[in-house]
Amino acid sequence: MSKRVVMVAAVARNRVIGNGPDIPWRVPGEQAEFKRLTMGEILVMGRTTYESIGRPLPGRTTIVLTRDREWSAEGVLVAHSFLDALARAALLPGEVIVVGGAQVYAEAMPLASEQIISEIPLEPEGDAFYPEIDPAQWEVVDREPFEGYERVTWLRRSRL
């Protein structure tokens, strides 16, 4: 694989990342930080995540994963598997940034080299969860406090 795969997510203490189409919190500044981290990159997301946003995010290439062969949206590329999304991304400038939802994160986890997690100090109700991070495979390399959350960077431990 020629490009790094980076997972970016806001995750509550109970691993909740969503409730239906909504993010069950508002943390001032966290979305601006997301924009800064992802600008100029290739966003890979599931169709439900894309539809909750409602449009391609400016300044980023968007690849939407869907099983629906008929689905399309203006301004985005469509892929029907995570490996298909990676093949499309290989031809484009920028890093691969996986931005949700739960199923896409789970598919990306074995191929990711980095995770940038905004740890939200809440335990909201939700129906979408971030996958467990195995400390035998991942190590924290940076922890930065922000108002209302901490941003934690995880790198995959090298396979010896």
N, C-alpha and C. Protein backbone atom coordinates (compact mmCIF):
# COMPACT_ATOMS: atom_id res chain seq x y z
N MET A 1 0.86 -1.17 0.00
CA MET A 1 0.00 0.00 0.00
C MET A 1 0.90 1.23 0.00
N SER A 2 0.66 2.12 -0.93
CA SER A 2 1.57 3.25 -1.09
C SER A 2 1.22 4.43 -0.19
N LYS A 3 -0.01 4.55 0.24
CA LYS A 3 -0.41 5.68 1.08
C LYS A 3 -0.67 5.23 2.51
N ARG A 4 -0.34 6.15 3.43
CA ARG A 4 -0.71 5.89 4.82
C ARG A 4 -2.22 5.95 4.95
N VAL A 5 -2.75 5.16 5.86
CA VAL A 5 -4.17 5.23 6.20
C VAL A 5 -4.25 5.74 7.62
N VAL A 6 -4.90 6.90 7.77
CA VAL A 6 -5.04 7.55 9.07
C VAL A 6 -6.52 7.60 9.43
N MET A 7 -6.85 7.14 10.62
CA MET A 7 -8.23 7.20 11.10
C MET A 7 -8.37 8.42 12.00
N VAL A 8 -9.38 9.25 11.72
CA VAL A 8 -9.64 10.44 12.52
C VAL A 8 -11.06 10.32 13.05
N ALA A 9 -11.22 10.47 14.37
CA ALA A 9 -12.55 10.32 14.97
C ALA A 9 -12.65 11.10 16.27
N ALA A 10 -13.86 11.50 16.59
CA ALA A 10 -14.19 12.00 17.92
C ALA A 10 -14.93 10.86 18.62
N VAL A 11 -14.41 10.46 19.79
CA VAL A 11 -14.89 9.25 20.46
C VAL A 11 -15.18 9.56 21.93
N ALA A 12 -16.38 9.22 22.37
CA ALA A 12 -16.74 9.39 23.79
C ALA A 12 -16.10 8.30 24.63
N ARG A 13 -16.12 8.49 25.95
CA ARG A 13 -15.53 7.50 26.88
C ARG A 13 -16.08 6.09 26.67
N ASN A 14 -17.36 6.01 26.30
CA ASN A 14 -18.00 4.70 26.09
C ASN A 14 -17.89 4.24 24.63
N ARG A 15 -16.97 4.85 23.86
CA ARG A 15 -16.68 4.53 22.47
C ARG A 15 -17.77 4.96 21.51
N VAL A 16 -18.79 5.67 21.98
CA VAL A 16 -19.84 6.17 21.08
C VAL A 16 -19.24 7.20 20.13
N ILE A 17 -19.61 7.06 18.85
CA ILE A 17 -19.23 8.06 17.85
C ILE A 17 -20.45 8.69 17.19
N GLY A 18 -21.62 8.07 17.38
CA GLY A 18 -22.82 8.62 16.77
C GLY A 18 -24.08 8.03 17.37
N ASN A 19 -25.17 8.75 17.12
CA ASN A 19 -26.49 8.30 17.54
C ASN A 19 -27.43 8.60 16.38
N GLY A 20 -27.79 7.54 15.62
CA GLY A 20 -28.52 7.78 14.37
C GLY A 20 -27.61 8.60 13.46
N PRO A 21 -28.16 9.63 12.81
CA PRO A 21 -27.34 10.44 11.90
C PRO A 21 -26.56 11.55 12.62
N ASP A 22 -26.68 11.61 13.94
CA ASP A 22 -26.12 12.74 14.68
C ASP A 22 -24.89 12.37 15.51
N ILE A 23 -24.05 13.38 15.74
CA ILE A 23 -22.98 13.28 16.73
C ILE A 23 -23.59 13.81 18.03
N PRO A 24 -23.60 13.00 19.09
CA PRO A 24 -24.35 13.38 20.29
C PRO A 24 -23.63 14.36 21.22
N TRP A 25 -22.89 15.30 20.68
CA TRP A 25 -22.26 16.36 21.48
C TRP A 25 -21.86 17.49 20.56
N ARG A 26 -21.60 18.63 21.16
CA ARG A 26 -21.03 19.79 20.48
C ARG A 26 -19.85 20.24 21.32
N VAL A 27 -18.66 20.15 20.79
CA VAL A 27 -17.46 20.59 21.50
C VAL A 27 -16.85 21.73 20.69
N PRO A 28 -16.93 22.96 21.21
CA PRO A 28 -16.39 24.10 20.46
C PRO A 28 -14.93 23.87 20.07
N GLY A 29 -14.63 24.14 18.81
CA GLY A 29 -13.26 24.04 18.33
C GLY A 29 -12.89 22.68 17.78
N GLU A 30 -13.61 21.62 18.14
CA GLU A 30 -13.23 20.28 17.70
C GLU A 30 -13.42 20.13 16.19
N GLN A 31 -14.50 20.68 15.65
CA GLN A 31 -14.71 20.58 14.20
C GLN A 31 -13.70 21.41 13.42
N ALA A 32 -13.27 22.55 13.97
CA ALA A 32 -12.23 23.35 13.31
C ALA A 32 -10.91 22.58 13.28
N GLU A 33 -10.63 21.85 14.33
CA GLU A 33 -9.42 21.03 14.38
C GLU A 33 -9.51 19.89 13.37
N PHE A 34 -10.70 19.31 13.23
CA PHE A 34 -10.92 18.28 12.21
C PHE A 34 -10.64 18.85 10.83
N LYS A 35 -11.13 20.05 10.57
CA LYS A 35 -10.90 20.69 9.27
C LYS A 35 -9.41 20.89 9.04
N ARG A 36 -8.68 21.35 10.04
CA ARG A 36 -7.25 21.58 9.91
C ARG A 36 -6.51 20.28 9.60
N LEU A 37 -6.89 19.19 10.29
CA LEU A 37 -6.23 17.89 10.10
C LEU A 37 -6.50 17.27 8.74
N THR A 38 -7.66 17.57 8.15
CA THR A 38 -8.08 16.86 6.95
C THR A 38 -7.98 17.69 5.67
N MET A 39 -7.72 18.98 5.76
CA MET A 39 -7.68 19.84 4.58
C MET A 39 -6.63 19.34 3.59
N GLY A 40 -7.03 19.23 2.33
CA GLY A 40 -6.12 18.80 1.27
C GLY A 40 -5.94 17.30 1.17
N GLU A 41 -6.62 16.55 2.01
CA GLU A 41 -6.44 15.09 2.03
C GLU A 41 -7.62 14.38 1.35
N ILE A 42 -7.58 13.06 1.35
CA ILE A 42 -8.64 12.23 0.77
C ILE A 42 -9.45 11.65 1.91
N LEU A 43 -10.72 12.03 1.99
CA LEU A 43 -11.60 11.51 3.04
C LEU A 43 -12.31 10.26 2.54
N VAL A 44 -12.26 9.20 3.32
CA VAL A 44 -13.00 7.98 3.02
C VAL A 44 -14.06 7.83 4.11
N MET A 45 -15.31 7.74 3.67
CA MET A 45 -16.42 7.64 4.63
C MET A 45 -17.52 6.77 4.05
N GLY A 46 -18.35 6.25 4.96
CA GLY A 46 -19.51 5.49 4.55
C GLY A 46 -20.61 6.41 4.05
N ARG A 47 -21.56 5.82 3.35
CA ARG A 47 -22.67 6.60 2.77
C ARG A 47 -23.49 7.30 3.85
N THR A 48 -23.77 6.61 4.96
CA THR A 48 -24.57 7.23 6.02
C THR A 48 -23.85 8.44 6.60
N THR A 49 -22.54 8.33 6.80
CA THR A 49 -21.76 9.47 7.28
C THR A 49 -21.83 10.61 6.28
N TYR A 50 -21.64 10.29 5.00
CA TYR A 50 -21.72 11.32 3.97
C TYR A 50 -23.09 12.00 3.98
N GLU A 51 -24.15 11.20 4.05
CA GLU A 51 -25.50 11.78 4.01
C GLU A 51 -25.78 12.62 5.25
N SER A 52 -25.16 12.30 6.39
CA SER A 52 -25.36 13.13 7.59
C SER A 52 -24.66 14.49 7.43
N ILE A 53 -23.57 14.52 6.65
CA ILE A 53 -22.88 15.79 6.36
C ILE A 53 -23.64 16.53 5.27
N GLY A 54 -24.09 15.80 4.27
CA GLY A 54 -24.95 16.37 3.26
C GLY A 54 -24.27 16.96 2.04
N ARG A 55 -22.94 16.98 2.02
CA ARG A 55 -22.23 17.56 0.89
C ARG A 55 -20.76 17.18 1.00
N PRO A 56 -20.02 17.28 -0.12
CA PRO A 56 -18.57 17.09 -0.01
C PRO A 56 -17.96 18.23 0.80
N LEU A 57 -16.99 17.93 1.63
CA LEU A 57 -16.34 18.99 2.41
C LEU A 57 -15.32 19.71 1.52
N PRO A 58 -15.36 21.04 1.51
CA PRO A 58 -14.48 21.81 0.63
C PRO A 58 -13.00 21.55 0.92
N GLY A 59 -12.20 21.56 -0.15
CA GLY A 59 -10.76 21.43 -0.01
C GLY A 59 -10.26 20.03 0.24
N ARG A 60 -11.16 19.05 0.12
CA ARG A 60 -10.80 17.65 0.34
C ARG A 60 -11.48 16.80 -0.72
N THR A 61 -10.82 15.72 -1.13
CA THR A 61 -11.44 14.75 -2.02
C THR A 61 -12.24 13.79 -1.15
N THR A 62 -13.45 13.47 -1.58
CA THR A 62 -14.30 12.57 -0.79
C THR A 62 -14.57 11.29 -1.58
N ILE A 63 -14.29 10.16 -0.92
CA ILE A 63 -14.65 8.84 -1.46
C ILE A 63 -15.69 8.25 -0.51
N VAL A 64 -16.86 7.94 -1.07
CA VAL A 64 -17.96 7.41 -0.28
C VAL A 64 -18.08 5.91 -0.54
N LEU A 65 -18.10 5.13 0.54
CA LEU A 65 -18.29 3.68 0.45
C LEU A 65 -19.78 3.36 0.54
N THR A 66 -20.26 2.56 -0.40
CA THR A 66 -21.64 2.11 -0.37
C THR A 66 -21.75 0.77 -1.09
N ARG A 67 -22.67 -0.07 -0.63
CA ARG A 67 -22.94 -1.33 -1.33
C ARG A 67 -23.90 -1.10 -2.49
N ASP A 68 -24.62 0.03 -2.45
CA ASP A 68 -25.63 0.35 -3.47
C ASP A 68 -24.94 0.77 -4.77
N ARG A 69 -25.01 -0.09 -5.77
CA ARG A 69 -24.33 0.15 -7.06
C ARG A 69 -24.96 1.32 -7.82
N GLU A 70 -26.16 1.73 -7.46
CA GLU A 70 -26.85 2.83 -8.15
C GLU A 70 -26.60 4.18 -7.50
N TRP A 71 -26.04 4.19 -6.29
CA TRP A 71 -25.89 5.44 -5.53
C TRP A 71 -24.81 6.32 -6.14
N SER A 72 -25.07 7.61 -6.18
CA SER A 72 -24.06 8.58 -6.58
C SER A 72 -24.42 9.92 -5.97
N ALA A 73 -23.44 10.80 -5.90
CA ALA A 73 -23.66 12.16 -5.42
C ALA A 73 -22.67 13.06 -6.14
N GLU A 74 -23.10 14.24 -6.44
CA GLU A 74 -22.25 15.18 -7.16
C GLU A 74 -21.03 15.55 -6.32
N GLY A 75 -19.86 15.52 -6.94
CA GLY A 75 -18.64 15.99 -6.29
C GLY A 75 -17.93 14.95 -5.44
N VAL A 76 -18.38 13.69 -5.48
CA VAL A 76 -17.70 12.65 -4.71
C VAL A 76 -17.40 11.46 -5.61
N LEU A 77 -16.39 10.68 -5.21
CA LEU A 77 -16.10 9.41 -5.85
C LEU A 77 -16.80 8.33 -5.06
N VAL A 78 -17.20 7.26 -5.74
CA VAL A 78 -17.91 6.16 -5.07
C VAL A 78 -17.04 4.90 -5.13
N ALA A 79 -16.99 4.18 -4.02
CA ALA A 79 -16.29 2.90 -3.96
C ALA A 79 -17.24 1.89 -3.31
N HIS A 80 -17.05 0.62 -3.66
CA HIS A 80 -17.95 -0.41 -3.15
C HIS A 80 -17.28 -1.34 -2.16
N SER A 81 -16.01 -1.07 -1.84
CA SER A 81 -15.31 -1.79 -0.78
C SER A 81 -14.19 -0.88 -0.29
N PHE A 82 -13.68 -1.18 0.88
CA PHE A 82 -12.59 -0.36 1.40
C PHE A 82 -11.35 -0.48 0.52
N LEU A 83 -11.07 -1.68 0.02
CA LEU A 83 -9.91 -1.86 -0.87
C LEU A 83 -10.09 -1.10 -2.18
N ASP A 84 -11.32 -1.03 -2.68
CA ASP A 84 -11.63 -0.24 -3.88
C ASP A 84 -11.36 1.24 -3.59
N ALA A 85 -11.75 1.70 -2.41
CA ALA A 85 -11.49 3.11 -2.03
C ALA A 85 -9.99 3.38 -1.99
N LEU A 86 -9.21 2.44 -1.44
CA LEU A 86 -7.76 2.62 -1.39
C LEU A 86 -7.15 2.65 -2.79
N ALA A 87 -7.67 1.81 -3.69
CA ALA A 87 -7.17 1.80 -5.07
C ALA A 87 -7.46 3.14 -5.74
N ARG A 88 -8.63 3.70 -5.52
CA ARG A 88 -8.96 5.01 -6.09
C ARG A 88 -8.06 6.09 -5.47
N ALA A 89 -7.86 6.02 -4.17
CA ALA A 89 -7.05 7.03 -3.48
C ALA A 89 -5.59 6.99 -3.94
N ALA A 90 -5.11 5.81 -4.33
CA ALA A 90 -3.71 5.67 -4.75
C ALA A 90 -3.39 6.56 -5.94
N LEU A 91 -4.40 6.91 -6.72
CA LEU A 91 -4.21 7.73 -7.92
C LEU A 91 -4.37 9.21 -7.67
N LEU A 92 -4.63 9.59 -6.43
CA LEU A 92 -4.93 10.98 -6.08
C LEU A 92 -3.89 11.55 -5.14
N PRO A 93 -3.72 12.88 -5.13
CA PRO A 93 -2.81 13.49 -4.15
C PRO A 93 -3.44 13.51 -2.75
N GLY A 94 -2.61 13.37 -1.73
CA GLY A 94 -3.08 13.46 -0.36
C GLY A 94 -3.03 12.11 0.35
N GLU A 95 -3.13 12.20 1.67
CA GLU A 95 -3.19 11.01 2.52
C GLU A 95 -4.62 10.51 2.59
N VAL A 96 -4.78 9.22 2.92
CA VAL A 96 -6.10 8.64 3.12
C VAL A 96 -6.50 8.87 4.57
N ILE A 97 -7.60 9.60 4.76
CA ILE A 97 -8.12 9.89 6.09
C ILE A 97 -9.50 9.24 6.20
N VAL A 98 -9.62 8.26 7.08
CA VAL A 98 -10.88 7.55 7.29
C VAL A 98 -11.65 8.32 8.36
N VAL A 99 -12.90 8.71 8.03
CA VAL A 99 -13.66 9.58 8.93
C VAL A 99 -15.01 9.00 9.35
N GLY A 100 -15.23 7.71 9.14
CA GLY A 100 -16.44 7.09 9.67
C GLY A 100 -17.32 6.50 8.60
N GLY A 101 -18.31 5.84 9.04
CA GLY A 101 -18.76 5.53 10.38
C GLY A 101 -18.15 4.26 10.93
N ALA A 102 -18.88 3.67 11.86
CA ALA A 102 -18.36 2.55 12.65
C ALA A 102 -17.87 1.40 11.78
N GLN A 103 -18.65 1.00 10.78
CA GLN A 103 -18.27 -0.13 9.93
C GLN A 103 -17.01 0.19 9.13
N VAL A 104 -16.90 1.42 8.64
CA VAL A 104 -15.73 1.82 7.86
C VAL A 104 -14.49 1.85 8.76
N TYR A 105 -14.63 2.38 9.98
CA TYR A 105 -13.50 2.34 10.92
C TYR A 105 -13.06 0.90 11.18
N ALA A 106 -14.02 0.00 11.37
CA ALA A 106 -13.67 -1.40 11.65
C ALA A 106 -12.92 -2.03 10.47
N GLU A 107 -13.35 -1.72 9.24
CA GLU A 107 -12.66 -2.25 8.06
C GLU A 107 -11.27 -1.65 7.90
N ALA A 108 -11.12 -0.38 8.26
CA ALA A 108 -9.85 0.32 8.08
C ALA A 108 -8.83 -0.04 9.14
N MET A 109 -9.27 -0.41 10.33
CA MET A 109 -8.36 -0.62 11.47
C MET A 109 -7.16 -1.52 11.14
N PRO A 110 -7.34 -2.67 10.49
CA PRO A 110 -6.17 -3.52 10.23
C PRO A 110 -5.16 -2.91 9.25
N LEU A 111 -5.59 -1.94 8.45
CA LEU A 111 -4.72 -1.33 7.44
C LEU A 111 -4.18 0.03 7.85
N ALA A 112 -4.70 0.57 8.94
CA ALA A 112 -4.30 1.92 9.36
C ALA A 112 -2.93 1.90 10.02
N SER A 113 -2.22 3.01 9.85
CA SER A 113 -0.92 3.17 10.51
C SER A 113 -0.99 4.19 11.64
N GLU A 114 -2.06 5.00 11.65
CA GLU A 114 -2.18 6.06 12.65
C GLU A 114 -3.65 6.30 12.95
N GLN A 115 -3.91 6.68 14.21
CA GLN A 115 -5.25 7.10 14.62
C GLN A 115 -5.11 8.43 15.35
N ILE A 116 -5.95 9.38 14.98
CA ILE A 116 -5.98 10.67 15.67
C ILE A 116 -7.38 10.77 16.27
N ILE A 117 -7.44 10.61 17.59
CA ILE A 117 -8.72 10.50 18.29
C ILE A 117 -8.93 11.71 19.18
N SER A 118 -10.07 12.38 18.97
CA SER A 118 -10.50 13.41 19.91
C SER A 118 -11.29 12.69 20.99
N GLU A 119 -10.69 12.58 22.19
CA GLU A 119 -11.36 11.90 23.30
C GLU A 119 -12.33 12.88 23.95
N ILE A 120 -13.62 12.57 23.86
CA ILE A 120 -14.68 13.42 24.39
C ILE A 120 -15.04 12.88 25.78
N PRO A 121 -14.93 13.71 26.83
CA PRO A 121 -15.15 13.21 28.20
C PRO A 121 -16.64 13.11 28.57
N LEU A 122 -17.40 12.39 27.76
CA LEU A 122 -18.82 12.18 27.98
C LEU A 122 -19.14 10.71 27.76
N GLU A 123 -20.33 10.28 28.21
CA GLU A 123 -20.82 8.93 27.95
C GLU A 123 -22.25 9.01 27.44
N PRO A 124 -22.42 9.52 26.20
CA PRO A 124 -23.76 9.72 25.66
C PRO A 124 -24.39 8.43 25.18
N GLU A 125 -25.71 8.47 24.98
CA GLU A 125 -26.41 7.38 24.31
C GLU A 125 -25.93 7.37 22.87
N GLY A 126 -25.85 6.18 22.29
CA GLY A 126 -25.47 6.11 20.89
C GLY A 126 -25.67 4.73 20.33
N ASP A 127 -25.62 4.65 18.99
CA ASP A 127 -25.77 3.36 18.33
C ASP A 127 -24.63 3.06 17.37
N ALA A 128 -23.64 3.94 17.34
CA ALA A 128 -22.45 3.71 16.52
C ALA A 128 -21.22 3.84 17.42
N PHE A 129 -20.33 2.85 17.33
CA PHE A 129 -19.19 2.79 18.25
C PHE A 129 -17.88 2.68 17.49
N TYR A 130 -16.84 3.31 18.05
CA TYR A 130 -15.49 3.19 17.50
C TYR A 130 -14.93 1.83 17.91
N PRO A 131 -14.16 1.19 17.03
CA PRO A 131 -13.61 -0.12 17.41
C PRO A 131 -12.65 -0.02 18.59
N GLU A 132 -12.52 -1.12 19.32
CA GLU A 132 -11.54 -1.20 20.43
C GLU A 132 -10.14 -0.98 19.86
N ILE A 133 -9.32 -0.25 20.59
CA ILE A 133 -7.92 -0.06 20.21
C ILE A 133 -7.09 -1.02 21.06
N ASP A 134 -6.41 -1.94 20.42
CA ASP A 134 -5.61 -2.95 21.10
C ASP A 134 -4.23 -2.37 21.44
N PRO A 135 -3.95 -2.16 22.75
CA PRO A 135 -2.66 -1.57 23.12
C PRO A 135 -1.45 -2.44 22.76
N ALA A 136 -1.66 -3.71 22.44
CA ALA A 136 -0.55 -4.55 21.98
C ALA A 136 -0.16 -4.17 20.55
N GLN A 137 -1.10 -3.56 19.80
CA GLN A 137 -0.83 -3.18 18.42
C GLN A 137 -0.62 -1.69 18.23
N TRP A 138 -1.06 -0.89 19.19
CA TRP A 138 -1.04 0.57 19.06
C TRP A 138 -0.40 1.20 20.29
N GLU A 139 0.32 2.30 20.08
CA GLU A 139 0.85 3.04 21.21
C GLU A 139 0.56 4.53 21.07
N VAL A 140 0.31 5.17 22.20
CA VAL A 140 0.07 6.61 22.22
C VAL A 140 1.40 7.32 22.06
N VAL A 141 1.48 8.20 21.07
CA VAL A 141 2.72 8.94 20.83
C VAL A 141 2.55 10.43 21.11
N ASP A 142 1.30 10.89 21.26
CA ASP A 142 1.06 12.30 21.57
C ASP A 142 -0.31 12.43 22.22
N ARG A 143 -0.38 13.32 23.19
CA ARG A 143 -1.64 13.63 23.86
C ARG A 143 -1.66 15.14 24.06
N GLU A 144 -2.63 15.79 23.43
CA GLU A 144 -2.69 17.25 23.48
C GLU A 144 -4.04 17.70 24.03
N PRO A 145 -4.03 18.46 25.14
CA PRO A 145 -5.30 18.92 25.70
C PRO A 145 -5.86 20.11 24.92
N PHE A 146 -7.16 20.07 24.69
CA PHE A 146 -7.91 21.17 24.11
C PHE A 146 -9.06 21.46 25.06
N GLU A 147 -9.70 22.58 24.90
CA GLU A 147 -10.85 22.88 25.76
C GLU A 147 -11.99 21.92 25.41
N GLY A 148 -12.38 21.09 26.36
CA GLY A 148 -13.50 20.18 26.17
C GLY A 148 -13.15 18.80 25.65
N TYR A 149 -11.89 18.56 25.31
CA TYR A 149 -11.48 17.23 24.83
C TYR A 149 -9.95 17.14 24.81
N GLU A 150 -9.46 15.93 24.60
CA GLU A 150 -8.03 15.71 24.37
C GLU A 150 -7.85 15.04 23.03
N ARG A 151 -6.84 15.48 22.29
CA ARG A 151 -6.52 14.81 21.03
C ARG A 151 -5.36 13.85 21.30
N VAL A 152 -5.59 12.58 20.98
CA VAL A 152 -4.61 11.53 21.24
C VAL A 152 -4.20 10.92 19.89
N THR A 153 -2.90 10.85 19.67
CA THR A 153 -2.37 10.24 18.45
C THR A 153 -1.80 8.88 18.78
N TRP A 154 -2.27 7.89 18.07
CA TRP A 154 -1.83 6.51 18.22
C TRP A 154 -1.07 6.11 16.96
N LEU A 155 0.06 5.42 17.10
CA LEU A 155 0.77 4.83 15.97
C LEU A 155 0.79 3.32 16.13
N ARG A 156 0.69 2.65 15.00
CA ARG A 156 0.76 1.19 15.04
C ARG A 156 2.16 0.78 15.47
N ARG A 157 2.23 -0.13 16.42
CA ARG A 157 3.53 -0.65 16.85
C ARG A 157 4.13 -1.43 15.68
N SER A 158 5.43 -1.32 15.51
CA SER A 158 6.06 -2.05 14.40
C SER A 158 5.98 -3.55 14.68
N ARG A 159 5.78 -4.26 13.61
CA ARG A 159 5.69 -5.72 13.72
C ARG A 159 7.09 -6.30 13.65
N LEU A 160 7.57 -6.80 14.78
CA LEU A 160 8.93 -7.34 14.84
C LEU A 160 8.97 -8.79 14.46
